[in-house]
Each structure stands twice: as structure tokens, then as C-alpha cells.
Amino acid sequence: MTIKELTGTVAEVTGFPGKITWDASKPDGTPRKLMDVSRLAALGWKSRIGLRDGVAKTYATFLAEKAAGTLRE
């Protein structure tokens, strides 16, 4: 997943109405990022929630804590 795709997902989940702009004059990060969960999988671990659902649940928790006044900064 690219940073652009992740940004779009977060914007969609949170209902961000603005325009996201990118500064092409800045470096675009590490050319190659690797993530390997094979060692975890070998131990029997498997993710149970997708990224979009995880972002949505995290955002819902944030909103609930903010409304309740229990948000930790």
C-alpha cells in the first residue's frame, strides 16, 4: 500500500472533506520498504482485521474518548 492509498483510506474513513496535495519537490521516502510477517505466521499469528476496518475502529474510539472527555494527549 502506498502512502497515497493510505492517506485516501484515512480521509475516507474520517470524512475529511478537504483536498490532499502532494509536494513533488520533496523526497518521496525510502525507495523500497519491506515488511515480512512470515516469522509471525510461522508462529500461528494471523491478522484478524483489515487496515480499513482498523482505521475505522481506531477513529471511532478516538471520537468516543473525545466526546467523553477521556482523550489522553
N, C-alpha and C. Protein backbone atom coordinates (compact mmCIF):
# COMPACT_ATOMS: atom_id res chain seq x y z
N MET A 1 0.85 -1.17 0.00
CA MET A 1 0.00 0.00 0.00
C MET A 1 0.90 1.23 0.00
N THR A 2 0.58 2.16 -0.84
CA THR A 2 1.35 3.40 -0.89
C THR A 2 0.85 4.39 0.15
N ILE A 3 1.67 5.39 0.44
CA ILE A 3 1.27 6.44 1.37
C ILE A 3 0.04 7.16 0.80
N LYS A 4 -0.01 7.33 -0.49
CA LYS A 4 -1.16 8.00 -1.12
C LYS A 4 -2.43 7.18 -0.91
N GLU A 5 -2.35 5.85 -1.06
CA GLU A 5 -3.51 5.00 -0.84
C GLU A 5 -3.94 5.03 0.62
N LEU A 6 -2.97 4.98 1.53
CA LEU A 6 -3.28 5.04 2.96
C LEU A 6 -3.94 6.37 3.31
N THR A 7 -3.40 7.45 2.77
CA THR A 7 -3.97 8.77 3.01
C THR A 7 -5.42 8.83 2.53
N GLY A 8 -5.68 8.27 1.38
CA GLY A 8 -7.05 8.23 0.86
C GLY A 8 -7.98 7.44 1.75
N THR A 9 -7.50 6.33 2.27
CA THR A 9 -8.30 5.50 3.17
C THR A 9 -8.63 6.26 4.45
N VAL A 10 -7.63 6.89 5.04
CA VAL A 10 -7.85 7.65 6.28
C VAL A 10 -8.81 8.81 6.01
N ALA A 11 -8.64 9.51 4.91
CA ALA A 11 -9.52 10.62 4.57
C ALA A 11 -10.96 10.14 4.40
N GLU A 12 -11.13 9.01 3.74
CA GLU A 12 -12.47 8.45 3.53
C GLU A 12 -13.13 8.05 4.85
N VAL A 13 -12.38 7.33 5.69
CA VAL A 13 -12.92 6.86 6.97
C VAL A 13 -13.29 8.02 7.88
N THR A 14 -12.46 9.05 7.90
CA THR A 14 -12.70 10.18 8.81
C THR A 14 -13.65 11.22 8.24
N GLY A 15 -13.98 11.09 6.96
CA GLY A 15 -14.88 12.06 6.34
C GLY A 15 -14.19 13.38 6.03
N PHE A 16 -12.88 13.35 5.85
CA PHE A 16 -12.13 14.57 5.55
C PHE A 16 -12.61 15.17 4.23
N PRO A 17 -13.13 16.39 4.27
CA PRO A 17 -13.71 16.99 3.06
C PRO A 17 -12.71 17.77 2.21
N GLY A 18 -11.51 17.97 2.72
CA GLY A 18 -10.54 18.80 2.03
C GLY A 18 -9.84 18.10 0.88
N LYS A 19 -8.98 18.86 0.25
CA LYS A 19 -8.19 18.35 -0.86
C LYS A 19 -6.81 17.98 -0.32
N ILE A 20 -6.31 16.84 -0.69
CA ILE A 20 -4.98 16.41 -0.27
C ILE A 20 -4.01 16.77 -1.39
N THR A 21 -2.99 17.52 -1.05
CA THR A 21 -2.00 17.91 -2.05
C THR A 21 -0.65 17.30 -1.69
N TRP A 22 0.16 17.08 -2.70
CA TRP A 22 1.47 16.48 -2.53
C TRP A 22 2.52 17.44 -3.04
N ASP A 23 3.59 17.56 -2.30
CA ASP A 23 4.70 18.42 -2.69
C ASP A 23 5.75 17.58 -3.40
N ALA A 24 5.71 17.60 -4.72
CA ALA A 24 6.60 16.77 -5.53
C ALA A 24 8.06 17.22 -5.46
N SER A 25 8.31 18.39 -4.87
CA SER A 25 9.69 18.86 -4.76
C SER A 25 10.43 18.20 -3.59
N LYS A 26 9.69 17.49 -2.74
CA LYS A 26 10.28 16.83 -1.58
C LYS A 26 10.57 15.36 -1.92
N PRO A 27 11.54 14.76 -1.23
CA PRO A 27 11.81 13.34 -1.46
C PRO A 27 10.58 12.50 -1.16
N ASP A 28 10.42 11.41 -1.87
CA ASP A 28 9.23 10.58 -1.68
C ASP A 28 9.48 9.39 -0.75
N GLY A 29 10.50 9.48 0.05
CA GLY A 29 10.73 8.45 1.06
C GLY A 29 11.68 7.37 0.59
N THR A 30 11.74 6.32 1.37
CA THR A 30 12.61 5.21 1.06
C THR A 30 12.15 4.53 -0.22
N PRO A 31 13.06 4.28 -1.16
CA PRO A 31 12.66 3.68 -2.43
C PRO A 31 12.01 2.30 -2.28
N ARG A 32 12.45 1.54 -1.28
CA ARG A 32 11.91 0.19 -1.14
C ARG A 32 11.66 -0.09 0.33
N LYS A 33 10.43 -0.39 0.66
CA LYS A 33 10.07 -0.69 2.05
C LYS A 33 9.56 -2.13 2.10
N LEU A 34 10.14 -2.91 2.94
CA LEU A 34 9.76 -4.31 3.03
C LEU A 34 9.14 -4.61 4.38
N MET A 35 8.11 -5.43 4.34
CA MET A 35 7.50 -5.91 5.58
C MET A 35 7.22 -7.39 5.38
N ASP A 36 7.78 -8.19 6.24
CA ASP A 36 7.64 -9.63 6.11
C ASP A 36 7.09 -10.18 7.42
N VAL A 37 5.92 -10.78 7.35
CA VAL A 37 5.30 -11.33 8.55
C VAL A 37 5.38 -12.86 8.57
N SER A 38 6.26 -13.42 7.73
CA SER A 38 6.34 -14.88 7.65
C SER A 38 6.75 -15.52 8.98
N ARG A 39 7.62 -14.87 9.73
CA ARG A 39 8.03 -15.43 11.04
C ARG A 39 6.86 -15.43 12.01
N LEU A 40 6.06 -14.38 11.97
CA LEU A 40 4.86 -14.36 12.82
C LEU A 40 3.87 -15.42 12.37
N ALA A 41 3.69 -15.54 11.07
CA ALA A 41 2.77 -16.55 10.54
C ALA A 41 3.21 -17.96 10.93
N ALA A 42 4.52 -18.19 10.92
CA ALA A 42 5.04 -19.50 11.32
C ALA A 42 4.73 -19.82 12.78
N LEU A 43 4.54 -18.78 13.58
CA LEU A 43 4.18 -18.96 14.99
C LEU A 43 2.67 -19.09 15.18
N GLY A 44 1.93 -18.98 14.07
CA GLY A 44 0.48 -19.13 14.14
C GLY A 44 -0.31 -17.83 14.15
N TRP A 45 0.39 -16.70 14.06
CA TRP A 45 -0.30 -15.41 14.08
C TRP A 45 -0.90 -15.11 12.72
N LYS A 46 -2.09 -14.56 12.73
CA LYS A 46 -2.74 -14.12 11.50
C LYS A 46 -3.58 -12.90 11.85
N SER A 47 -3.51 -11.88 11.02
CA SER A 47 -4.30 -10.68 11.30
C SER A 47 -5.78 -11.02 11.23
N ARG A 48 -6.56 -10.40 12.09
CA ARG A 48 -7.99 -10.66 12.13
C ARG A 48 -8.81 -9.46 11.68
N ILE A 49 -8.13 -8.38 11.39
CA ILE A 49 -8.84 -7.17 10.99
C ILE A 49 -8.06 -6.50 9.86
N GLY A 50 -8.78 -6.04 8.87
CA GLY A 50 -8.15 -5.35 7.75
C GLY A 50 -7.78 -3.92 8.12
N LEU A 51 -6.93 -3.33 7.31
CA LEU A 51 -6.46 -1.97 7.60
C LEU A 51 -7.62 -0.97 7.66
N ARG A 52 -8.52 -1.02 6.68
CA ARG A 52 -9.62 -0.05 6.66
C ARG A 52 -10.48 -0.18 7.91
N ASP A 53 -10.81 -1.41 8.29
CA ASP A 53 -11.60 -1.63 9.50
C ASP A 53 -10.84 -1.18 10.74
N GLY A 54 -9.54 -1.41 10.78
CA GLY A 54 -8.72 -0.98 11.91
C GLY A 54 -8.69 0.53 12.04
N VAL A 55 -8.55 1.21 10.92
CA VAL A 55 -8.57 2.69 10.94
C VAL A 55 -9.93 3.17 11.41
N ALA A 56 -11.01 2.56 10.90
CA ALA A 56 -12.36 2.96 11.29
C ALA A 56 -12.61 2.76 12.78
N LYS A 57 -12.19 1.62 13.31
CA LYS A 57 -12.39 1.35 14.74
C LYS A 57 -11.55 2.29 15.61
N THR A 58 -10.32 2.55 15.18
CA THR A 58 -9.46 3.47 15.92
C THR A 58 -10.05 4.87 15.93
N TYR A 59 -10.56 5.31 14.79
CA TYR A 59 -11.17 6.63 14.70
C TYR A 59 -12.44 6.72 15.55
N ALA A 60 -13.23 5.66 15.54
CA ALA A 60 -14.44 5.63 16.37
C ALA A 60 -14.08 5.72 17.85
N THR A 61 -13.03 5.03 18.26
CA THR A 61 -12.57 5.10 19.65
C THR A 61 -12.11 6.51 19.99
N PHE A 62 -11.36 7.12 19.08
CA PHE A 62 -10.91 8.50 19.28
C PHE A 62 -12.09 9.44 19.47
N LEU A 63 -13.10 9.34 18.60
CA LEU A 63 -14.28 10.21 18.71
C LEU A 63 -15.02 9.98 20.02
N ALA A 64 -15.15 8.72 20.43
CA ALA A 64 -15.86 8.40 21.68
C ALA A 64 -15.11 8.97 22.89
N GLU A 65 -13.79 8.80 22.91
CA GLU A 65 -13.00 9.33 24.02
C GLU A 65 -13.02 10.86 24.04
N LYS A 66 -13.00 11.44 22.87
CA LYS A 66 -13.06 12.91 22.80
C LYS A 66 -14.39 13.41 23.33
N ALA A 67 -15.48 12.76 22.94
CA ALA A 67 -16.82 13.16 23.39
C ALA A 67 -16.98 12.96 24.91
N ALA A 68 -16.36 11.91 25.43
CA ALA A 68 -16.46 11.62 26.85
C ALA A 68 -15.49 12.43 27.70
N GLY A 69 -14.59 13.14 27.04
CA GLY A 69 -13.60 13.92 27.77
C GLY A 69 -12.49 13.08 28.37
N THR A 70 -12.31 11.87 27.86
CA THR A 70 -11.30 10.98 28.41
C THR A 70 -10.13 10.79 27.44
N LEU A 71 -10.03 11.63 26.47
CA LEU A 71 -8.96 11.54 25.47
C LEU A 71 -7.63 11.87 26.13
N ARG A 72 -6.68 10.96 26.00
CA ARG A 72 -5.33 11.17 26.55
C ARG A 72 -4.47 11.84 25.51
N GLU A 73 -3.77 12.88 25.89
CA GLU A 73 -2.90 13.59 24.95
C GLU A 73 -1.46 13.24 25.15
